[in-house]
Amino acid sequence: MIGVESILASDQFLRGDESNQLDPVSGYGIVNLATRYQINGWAEVFAMIDNVFDAKYNTFGTLGDPSNVFPEFTDPRFFSPGAPIGGWAGVRIKL
């Protein structure tokens, strides 16, 4: 079996920017792949790759006041970065 998954998200406004005056968090798209092969009735091998093209994206944004803790930071926007490329492989055994 081979599987392809595409995740698409549109732009979203920053949390705390209720008047929507700031640039929104950009939308993004990522592609994930998965495969598995049944060796026999009790064993299979599998592999998965998430974010195949290693897209750089943010999943969330909010406003805050960094000057209370870090006076050198003046940008009130905080972003949550998306996960980088990642891969897994293994063997499943059914007893």
C-alpha atoms as a PDB file:
ATOM      1  CA  MET A   1       0.000   0.000   0.000  1.00  0.00           C
ATOM      2  CA  ILE A   2       1.197   3.515  -0.774  1.00  0.00           C
ATOM      3  CA  GLY A   3      -0.562   6.583   0.603  1.00  0.00           C
ATOM      4  CA  VAL A   4      -0.232  10.285  -0.140  1.00  0.00           C
ATOM      5  CA  GLU A   5      -1.759  12.931   2.109  1.00  0.00           C
ATOM      6  CA  SER A   6      -1.959  16.644   1.406  1.00  0.00           C
ATOM      7  CA  ILE A   7      -2.768  19.137   4.153  1.00  0.00           C
ATOM      8  CA  LEU A   8      -3.796  22.636   3.092  1.00  0.00           C
ATOM      9  CA  ALA A   9      -4.565  25.556   5.379  1.00  0.00           C
ATOM     10  CA  SER A  10      -5.637  29.063   4.419  1.00  0.00           C
ATOM     11  CA  ASP A  11      -4.450  32.358   5.886  1.00  0.00           C
ATOM     12  CA  GLN A  12      -5.556  33.152   9.431  1.00  0.00           C
ATOM     13  CA  PHE A  13      -5.476  36.353  11.408  1.00  0.00           C
ATOM     14  CA  LEU A  14      -3.346  36.661  14.515  1.00  0.00           C
ATOM     15  CA  ARG A  15      -5.044  35.883  17.808  1.00  0.00           C
ATOM     16  CA  GLY A  16      -5.465  39.201  19.605  1.00  0.00           C
ATOM     17  CA  ASP A  17      -5.777  41.181  16.349  1.00  0.00           C
ATOM     18  CA  GLU A  18      -9.568  41.360  16.442  1.00  0.00           C
ATOM     19  CA  SER A  19      -9.642  44.317  14.040  1.00  0.00           C
ATOM     20  CA  ASN A  20      -7.561  42.315  11.497  1.00  0.00           C
ATOM     21  CA  GLN A  21      -5.188  45.217  10.803  1.00  0.00           C
ATOM     22  CA  LEU A  22      -1.953  43.177  10.769  1.00  0.00           C
ATOM     23  CA  ASP A  23      -0.808  40.786   8.050  1.00  0.00           C
ATOM     24  CA  PRO A  24      -2.281  37.332   8.655  1.00  0.00           C
ATOM     25  CA  VAL A  25      -0.358  34.112   9.191  1.00  0.00           C
ATOM     26  CA  SER A  26       0.218  32.786   5.680  1.00  0.00           C
ATOM     27  CA  GLY A  27      -1.546  29.674   4.509  1.00  0.00           C
ATOM     28  CA  TYR A  28       0.468  26.561   3.794  1.00  0.00           C
ATOM     29  CA  GLY A  29       0.407  23.166   2.170  1.00  0.00           C
ATOM     30  CA  ILE A  30       2.365  20.055   3.080  1.00  0.00           C
ATOM     31  CA  VAL A  31       2.583  16.557   1.638  1.00  0.00           C
ATOM     32  CA  ASN A  32       2.986  13.348   3.651  1.00  0.00           C
ATOM     33  CA  LEU A  33       3.791   9.888   2.297  1.00  0.00           C
ATOM     34  CA  ALA A  34       3.235   6.450   3.807  1.00  0.00           C
ATOM     35  CA  THR A  35       3.812   2.915   2.652  1.00  0.00           C
ATOM     36  CA  ARG A  36       3.561  -0.571   4.092  1.00  0.00           C
ATOM     37  CA  TYR A  37       4.202  -4.065   2.869  1.00  0.00           C
ATOM     38  CA  GLN A  38       2.673  -7.202   4.383  1.00  0.00           C
ATOM     39  CA  ILE A  39       5.478  -9.782   4.493  1.00  0.00           C
ATOM     40  CA  ASN A  40       3.276 -12.632   5.727  1.00  0.00           C
ATOM     41  CA  GLY A  41       0.246 -13.133   7.979  1.00  0.00           C
ATOM     42  CA  TRP A  42       1.966 -11.762  11.084  1.00  0.00           C
ATOM     43  CA  ALA A  43       4.621  -9.264   9.962  1.00  0.00           C
ATOM     44  CA  GLU A  44       4.697  -6.082   7.909  1.00  0.00           C
ATOM     45  CA  VAL A  45       7.211  -3.309   7.282  1.00  0.00           C
ATOM     46  CA  PHE A  46       6.211   0.339   7.076  1.00  0.00           C
ATOM     47  CA  ALA A  47       7.689   3.771   6.377  1.00  0.00           C
ATOM     48  CA  MET A  48       6.309   7.305   6.650  1.00  0.00           C
ATOM     49  CA  ILE A  49       7.633  10.721   5.683  1.00  0.00           C
ATOM     50  CA  ASP A  50       5.882  13.864   6.919  1.00  0.00           C
ATOM     51  CA  ASN A  51       6.402  17.231   5.195  1.00  0.00           C
ATOM     52  CA  VAL A  52       8.187  15.633   2.241  1.00  0.00           C
ATOM     53  CA  PHE A  53       9.270  18.945   0.703  1.00  0.00           C
ATOM     54  CA  ASP A  54      10.402  20.383   4.081  1.00  0.00           C
ATOM     55  CA  ALA A  55       8.054  23.373   3.786  1.00  0.00           C
ATOM     56  CA  LYS A  56       8.685  26.214   6.237  1.00  0.00           C
ATOM     57  CA  TYR A  57       5.360  27.390   7.653  1.00  0.00           C
ATOM     58  CA  ASN A  58       3.603  28.719  10.740  1.00  0.00           C
ATOM     59  CA  THR A  59       0.506  27.055  12.154  1.00  0.00           C
ATOM     60  CA  PHE A  60      -0.589  29.811  14.552  1.00  0.00           C
ATOM     61  CA  GLY A  61       0.100  33.438  15.457  1.00  0.00           C
ATOM     62  CA  THR A  62      -0.735  35.631  18.430  1.00  0.00           C
ATOM     63  CA  LEU A  63       0.016  39.076  19.802  1.00  0.00           C
ATOM     64  CA  GLY A  64       1.833  39.684  23.054  1.00  0.00           C
ATOM     65  CA  ASP A  65       4.094  42.119  24.894  1.00  0.00           C
ATOM     66  CA  PRO A  66       7.691  40.843  24.810  1.00  0.00           C
ATOM     67  CA  SER A  67       9.120  43.990  26.405  1.00  0.00           C
ATOM     68  CA  ASN A  68       8.208  42.769  29.903  1.00  0.00           C
ATOM     69  CA  VAL A  69      10.711  39.914  29.689  1.00  0.00           C
ATOM     70  CA  PHE A  70      12.947  40.735  26.698  1.00  0.00           C
ATOM     71  CA  PRO A  71      13.248  44.531  26.274  1.00  0.00           C
ATOM     72  CA  GLU A  72      15.332  44.153  23.081  1.00  0.00           C
ATOM     73  CA  PHE A  73      12.379  42.554  21.257  1.00  0.00           C
ATOM     74  CA  THR A  74       9.941  45.059  19.815  1.00  0.00           C
ATOM     75  CA  ASP A  75       7.794  42.865  17.542  1.00  0.00           C
ATOM     76  CA  PRO A  76       4.553  41.913  19.352  1.00  0.00           C
ATOM     77  CA  ARG A  77       3.859  38.997  16.977  1.00  0.00           C
ATOM     78  CA  PHE A  78       4.582  35.422  18.071  1.00  0.00           C
ATOM     79  CA  PHE A  79       4.347  32.461  15.694  1.00  0.00           C
ATOM     80  CA  SER A  80       4.162  28.714  16.153  1.00  0.00           C
ATOM     81  CA  PRO A  81       6.352  27.034  13.521  1.00  0.00           C
ATOM     82  CA  GLY A  82       5.195  23.914  11.731  1.00  0.00           C
ATOM     83  CA  ALA A  83       6.991  20.592  11.994  1.00  0.00           C
ATOM     84  CA  PRO A  84       9.987  20.049   9.699  1.00  0.00           C
ATOM     85  CA  ILE A  85      10.502  16.979   7.537  1.00  0.00           C
ATOM     86  CA  GLY A  86      10.410  13.774   9.551  1.00  0.00           C
ATOM     87  CA  GLY A  87      10.558  10.098   8.773  1.00  0.00           C
ATOM     88  CA  TRP A  88       9.767   6.814  10.504  1.00  0.00           C
ATOM     89  CA  ALA A  89      10.251   3.207   9.529  1.00  0.00           C
ATOM     90  CA  GLY A  90       9.648  -0.021  11.351  1.00  0.00           C
ATOM     91  CA  VAL A  91       8.326  -3.538  11.505  1.00  0.00           C
ATOM     92  CA  ARG A  92       4.933  -4.532  12.931  1.00  0.00           C
ATOM     93  CA  ILE A  93       4.546  -8.015  14.301  1.00  0.00           C
ATOM     94  CA  LYS A  94       1.153  -9.450  15.283  1.00  0.00           C
ATOM     95  CA  LEU A  95       1.285 -12.183  17.884  1.00  0.00           C
END
